[in-house]
Structure formats: structure tokens, C-alpha cells
């Protein structure tokens, strides 16, 4: 797990950049894949999300992810949304 010093000084923000280590996914997703929109097994993705959040002391449902799209569109997150399997 990696952190950014810039974000560490904000007590209202919990963050982490998770590495590939410690996950339960295998094959082409052999890592800590937290992407619900991937073709990885959903039960493995959910376990990876649980493990990732445990590293920063939060429940799995506190993890907010978005699907990455390379465009000029920006998304502002002001509260969490329910995961739909299309992150």
C-alpha cells in the first residue's frame, strides 16, 4: 500500500494506492483487483476490496471506485454510491 504525503495532512480524507500484493484473484487478474467492472470473479473482487480496506481500518463498503475513462469529463464525488458491479 502506498500513500501520498499531500493527502496525509487532511484528517477528513482516508486514501491509499494499493499494490498488486495480497489479493485473491488469479490468472490475468492475479493481484488485489478491486474493479467490479472487470471480468474477474465477483466474489474475488469483493474479497480483494475487503482486504484493501482492512489495510486502512475501514469496512469494504467504504471503498469508492469509479470506472476510468480517458476524456475531458470530470466527476466530483461528494458521497459514496452503492456499487453496482460496473465500477
Protein backbone atom coordinates (compact mmCIF):
# COMPACT_ATOMS: atom_id res chain seq x y z
CA UNK A 1 0.00 0.00 0.00
CA UNK A 2 1.24 3.45 -0.89
CA UNK A 3 0.09 6.85 0.34
CA UNK A 4 0.55 10.40 -0.90
CA UNK A 5 2.03 12.82 1.62
CA UNK A 6 -0.21 15.61 0.31
CA UNK A 7 -3.32 13.68 1.38
CA UNK A 8 -1.97 12.57 4.75
CA UNK A 9 -2.40 16.05 6.21
CA UNK A 10 -6.17 16.08 5.61
CA UNK A 11 -7.97 14.41 8.54
CA UNK A 12 -11.22 14.23 6.55
CA UNK A 13 -9.65 12.06 3.86
CA UNK A 14 -8.58 8.40 4.04
CA UNK A 15 -6.73 7.20 0.99
CA UNK A 16 -4.38 4.54 -0.31
CA UNK A 17 -2.91 3.29 -3.54
CA UNK A 18 -2.98 -0.48 -3.28
CA UNK A 19 -0.34 -2.59 -4.92
CA UNK A 20 -0.96 -5.95 -6.58
CA UNK A 21 0.14 -7.81 -3.42
CA UNK A 22 -2.19 -9.60 -1.04
CA UNK A 23 -5.13 -10.24 -3.34
CA UNK A 24 -7.02 -13.46 -4.05
CA UNK A 25 -7.51 -13.02 -7.80
CA UNK A 26 -5.67 -15.31 -10.18
CA UNK A 27 -4.94 -15.72 -13.87
CA UNK A 28 -4.79 -12.46 -15.77
CA UNK A 29 -6.18 -10.68 -12.67
CA UNK A 30 -3.57 -12.18 -10.33
CA UNK A 31 -3.47 -9.27 -7.90
CA UNK A 32 -5.61 -7.31 -5.48
CA UNK A 33 -8.06 -6.42 -8.25
CA UNK A 34 -10.76 -4.15 -6.80
CA UNK A 35 -12.51 -3.45 -10.10
CA UNK A 36 -16.12 -4.61 -10.02
CA UNK A 37 -16.40 -3.84 -13.74
CA UNK A 38 -13.66 -6.30 -14.67
CA UNK A 39 -14.23 -9.86 -15.82
CA UNK A 40 -12.66 -11.15 -12.61
CA UNK A 41 -14.83 -13.36 -10.38
CA UNK A 42 -17.09 -11.00 -8.37
CA UNK A 43 -16.52 -12.93 -5.12
CA UNK A 44 -12.75 -12.49 -5.53
CA UNK A 45 -13.12 -8.78 -6.27
CA UNK A 46 -15.24 -8.32 -3.15
CA UNK A 47 -12.67 -10.20 -1.04
CA UNK A 48 -9.91 -8.02 -2.50
CA UNK A 49 -11.91 -4.90 -1.64
CA UNK A 50 -12.38 -6.19 1.92
CA UNK A 51 -8.64 -6.85 2.25
CA UNK A 52 -7.68 -3.49 0.77
CA UNK A 53 -9.90 -1.52 3.11
CA UNK A 54 -8.79 -3.56 6.14
CA UNK A 55 -5.30 -2.18 5.49
CA UNK A 56 -6.57 1.31 6.34
CA UNK A 57 -9.02 0.23 9.03
CA UNK A 58 -12.27 0.77 7.13
CA UNK A 59 -15.13 -1.55 6.09
CA UNK A 60 -15.22 -2.78 2.48
CA UNK A 61 -18.35 -0.75 1.73
CA UNK A 62 -16.42 2.46 2.41
CA UNK A 63 -14.36 1.91 -0.76
CA UNK A 64 -15.41 4.22 -3.58
CA UNK A 65 -14.13 3.41 -7.05
CA UNK A 66 -15.00 4.74 -10.48
CA UNK A 67 -14.51 3.39 -13.95
CA UNK A 68 -11.53 5.11 -15.57
CA UNK A 69 -12.26 6.79 -18.88
CA UNK A 70 -9.69 8.86 -20.74
CA UNK A 71 -11.65 12.01 -21.56
CA UNK A 72 -12.06 15.63 -20.55
CA UNK A 73 -15.03 14.74 -18.32
CA UNK A 74 -14.50 15.18 -14.58
CA UNK A 75 -16.51 13.57 -11.79
CA UNK A 76 -16.82 15.11 -8.34
CA UNK A 77 -17.53 12.64 -5.56
CA UNK A 78 -19.32 14.20 -2.61
CA UNK A 79 -20.65 10.96 -1.12
CA UNK A 80 -20.34 7.25 -1.73
CA UNK A 81 -22.60 5.37 -4.12
CA UNK A 82 -23.71 1.78 -3.93
CA UNK A 83 -21.51 -0.47 -6.03
CA UNK A 84 -23.34 -1.91 -8.99
CA UNK A 85 -20.62 -4.10 -10.42
CA UNK A 86 -19.82 -1.53 -13.09
CA UNK A 87 -17.03 0.42 -11.42
